[in-house]
C-alpha atoms as a PDB file:
ATOM      1  CA  MET A   1      64.684 -23.256  65.864  1.00  0.00           C
ATOM      2  CA  MET A   2      66.460 -22.721  62.538  1.00  0.00           C
ATOM      3  CA  ALA A   3      69.982 -23.965  62.061  1.00  0.00           C
ATOM      4  CA  GLU A   4      72.768 -21.500  61.415  1.00  0.00           C
ATOM      5  CA  ASP A   5      74.271 -21.596  57.915  1.00  0.00           C
ATOM      6  CA  SER A   6      77.983 -21.824  57.297  1.00  0.00           C
ATOM      7  CA  LEU A   7      80.220 -21.664  54.237  1.00  0.00           C
ATOM      8  CA  VAL A   8      83.806 -22.559  53.544  1.00  0.00           C
ATOM      9  CA  LEU A   9      85.679 -19.965  51.475  1.00  0.00           C
ATOM     10  CA  ASP A  10      88.945 -20.882  49.776  1.00  0.00           C
ATOM     11  CA  ILE A  11      90.629 -17.456  49.628  1.00  0.00           C
ATOM     12  CA  GLY A  12      94.179 -16.186  49.838  1.00  0.00           C
ATOM     13  CA  GLY A  13      96.868 -14.845  47.542  1.00  0.00           C
ATOM     14  CA  ASP A  14      95.120 -13.630  44.379  1.00  0.00           C
ATOM     15  CA  ILE A  15      91.859 -15.465  45.184  1.00  0.00           C
ATOM     16  CA  GLY A  16      88.949 -13.711  46.905  1.00  0.00           C
ATOM     17  CA  ALA A  17      85.258 -14.338  47.487  1.00  0.00           C
ATOM     18  CA  LEU A  18      82.164 -12.348  46.514  1.00  0.00           C
ATOM     19  CA  VAL A  19      78.871 -12.213  48.424  1.00  0.00           C
ATOM     20  CA  ILE A  20      75.974 -10.627  46.530  1.00  0.00           C
ATOM     21  CA  HIS A  21      73.160  -9.575  48.872  1.00  0.00           C
ATOM     22  CA  THR A  22      69.637  -9.437  47.427  1.00  0.00           C
ATOM     23  CA  ASP A  23      66.044  -9.036  48.516  1.00  0.00           C
ATOM     24  CA  ALA A  24      63.938 -12.047  49.527  1.00  0.00           C
ATOM     25  CA  ASP A  25      62.089 -12.001  46.197  1.00  0.00           C
ATOM     26  CA  ARG A  26      65.314 -13.171  44.499  1.00  0.00           C
ATOM     27  CA  ALA A  27      65.525 -16.354  46.608  1.00  0.00           C
ATOM     28  CA  GLU A  28      66.397 -19.453  44.544  1.00  0.00           C
ATOM     29  CA  ILE A  29      67.105 -17.331  41.437  1.00  0.00           C
ATOM     30  CA  GLU A  30      70.514 -17.424  39.752  1.00  0.00           C
ATOM     31  CA  VAL A  31      72.753 -14.368  39.803  1.00  0.00           C
ATOM     32  CA  GLU A  32      75.380 -14.100  37.050  1.00  0.00           C
ATOM     33  CA  ILE A  33      78.745 -12.365  37.060  1.00  0.00           C
ATOM     34  CA  SER A  34      81.468 -12.056  34.439  1.00  0.00           C
ATOM     35  CA  PRO A  35      84.911 -10.480  34.251  1.00  0.00           C
ATOM     36  CA  ALA A  36      84.366  -6.762  33.510  1.00  0.00           C
ATOM     37  CA  ALA A  37      86.966  -6.798  30.733  1.00  0.00           C
ATOM     38  CA  GLY A  38      86.270  -8.628  27.494  1.00  0.00           C
ATOM     39  CA  ASP A  39      83.138  -9.952  25.839  1.00  0.00           C
ATOM     40  CA  PRO A  40      80.233  -9.669  28.346  1.00  0.00           C
ATOM     41  CA  GLY A  41      78.602 -12.790  26.911  1.00  0.00           C
ATOM     42  CA  MET A  42      81.629 -14.969  27.547  1.00  0.00           C
ATOM     43  CA  HIS A  43      82.955 -16.452  30.777  1.00  0.00           C
ATOM     44  CA  ARG A  44      79.866 -15.848  32.877  1.00  0.00           C
ATOM     45  CA  THR A  45      79.447 -17.788  36.056  1.00  0.00           C
ATOM     46  CA  HIS A  46      76.376 -18.049  38.228  1.00  0.00           C
ATOM     47  CA  ASN A  47      75.248 -18.969  41.677  1.00  0.00           C
ATOM     48  CA  VAL A  48      71.832 -19.294  43.291  1.00  0.00           C
ATOM     49  CA  VAL A  49      70.510 -16.868  45.898  1.00  0.00           C
ATOM     50  CA  HIS A  50      69.796 -18.749  49.120  1.00  0.00           C
ATOM     51  CA  ALA A  51      68.231 -17.770  52.416  1.00  0.00           C
ATOM     52  CA  ARG A  52      70.978 -17.671  55.033  1.00  0.00           C
ATOM     53  CA  HIS A  53      70.250 -17.831  58.753  1.00  0.00           C
ATOM     54  CA  ASN A  54      72.640 -16.415  61.346  1.00  0.00           C
ATOM     55  CA  ARG A  55      73.000 -17.099  65.044  1.00  0.00           C
ATOM     56  CA  HIS A  56      70.820 -14.078  65.887  1.00  0.00           C
ATOM     57  CA  GLY A  57      67.835 -15.534  64.036  1.00  0.00           C
ATOM     58  CA  VAL A  58      68.145 -13.054  61.166  1.00  0.00           C
ATOM     59  CA  THR A  59      67.558 -14.335  57.639  1.00  0.00           C
ATOM     60  CA  THR A  60      69.342 -12.692  54.725  1.00  0.00           C
ATOM     61  CA  TYR A  61      69.439 -13.600  51.034  1.00  0.00           C
ATOM     62  CA  SER A  62      72.657 -13.881  49.092  1.00  0.00           C
ATOM     63  CA  ALA A  63      74.588 -15.628  46.363  1.00  0.00           C
ATOM     64  CA  VAL A  64      78.144 -16.570  47.264  1.00  0.00           C
ATOM     65  CA  PHE A  65      81.029 -16.948  44.830  1.00  0.00           C
ATOM     66  CA  PRO A  66      83.567 -18.646  47.121  1.00  0.00           C
ATOM     67  CA  GLN A  67      86.681 -18.594  44.936  1.00  0.00           C
ATOM     68  CA  LEU A  68      87.300 -15.845  42.361  1.00  0.00           C
ATOM     69  CA  PRO A  69      90.537 -14.479  40.934  1.00  0.00           C
ATOM     70  CA  SER A  70      91.043 -10.862  41.995  1.00  0.00           C
ATOM     71  CA  GLY A  71      89.750  -8.319  39.487  1.00  0.00           C
ATOM     72  CA  ASP A  72      86.718  -6.384  38.336  1.00  0.00           C
ATOM     73  CA  TYR A  73      83.434  -8.195  37.718  1.00  0.00           C
ATOM     74  CA  THR A  74      80.107  -7.194  36.172  1.00  0.00           C
ATOM     75  CA  VAL A  75      77.042  -8.229  38.159  1.00  0.00           C
ATOM     76  CA  TRP A  76      74.104  -8.915  35.821  1.00  0.00           C
ATOM     77  CA  SER A  77      70.458  -8.049  36.585  1.00  0.00           C
ATOM     78  CA  ASP A  78      69.318 -10.265  33.725  1.00  0.00           C
ATOM     79  CA  GLU A  79      70.750 -11.731  30.528  1.00  0.00           C
ATOM     80  CA  SER A  80      71.469  -8.348  28.916  1.00  0.00           C
ATOM     81  CA  THR A  81      71.360  -5.718  31.693  1.00  0.00           C
ATOM     82  CA  ALA A  82      74.353  -5.001  33.909  1.00  0.00           C
ATOM     83  CA  HIS A  83      73.474  -4.142  37.514  1.00  0.00           C
ATOM     84  CA  GLY A  84      76.950  -2.811  38.332  1.00  0.00           C
ATOM     85  CA  THR A  85      80.630  -3.545  38.706  1.00  0.00           C
ATOM     86  CA  VAL A  86      82.481  -4.823  41.759  1.00  0.00           C
ATOM     87  CA  THR A  87      86.188  -5.339  42.489  1.00  0.00           C
ATOM     88  CA  VAL A  88      87.235  -8.590  44.153  1.00  0.00           C
ATOM     89  CA  HIS A  89      90.510  -8.460  46.114  1.00  0.00           C
ATOM     90  CA  GLY A  90      92.653 -11.498  46.800  1.00  0.00           C
ATOM     91  CA  GLY A  91      92.450 -12.815  50.357  1.00  0.00           C
ATOM     92  CA  GLN A  92      89.274 -10.836  51.095  1.00  0.00           C
ATOM     93  CA  VAL A  93      85.502 -11.240  51.037  1.00  0.00           C
ATOM     94  CA  THR A  94      83.866  -8.517  48.946  1.00  0.00           C
ATOM     95  CA  GLU A  95      80.185  -7.698  49.472  1.00  0.00           C
ATOM     96  CA  TYR A  96      77.855  -6.263  46.839  1.00  0.00           C
ATOM     97  CA  HIS A  97      74.256  -5.157  47.374  1.00  0.00           C
ATOM     98  CA  ALA A  98      71.966  -5.895  44.442  1.00  0.00           C
ATOM     99  CA  SER A  99      68.702  -4.971  46.210  1.00  0.00           C
END
């Protein structure tokens, strides 16, 4: 039996979290985001896509950014290609599908 995964998110006020859902083929690959405003090459942050197991035995794949200032972010497909833009709201968990 697989163990359930859990995360601690430090959100509230102007700080939110972002969960980027991907396909299984992106497992253990880094996903990058950056503030949508400004130089797209600057201030990027990344997180690794991990398999996540829930109490129902379902496995999903996602990268979690547990503490982001509210605002618009670019999600990158690779070093030079933007996948899309997402808005993170303070005190909330925002989900983005990059499948």
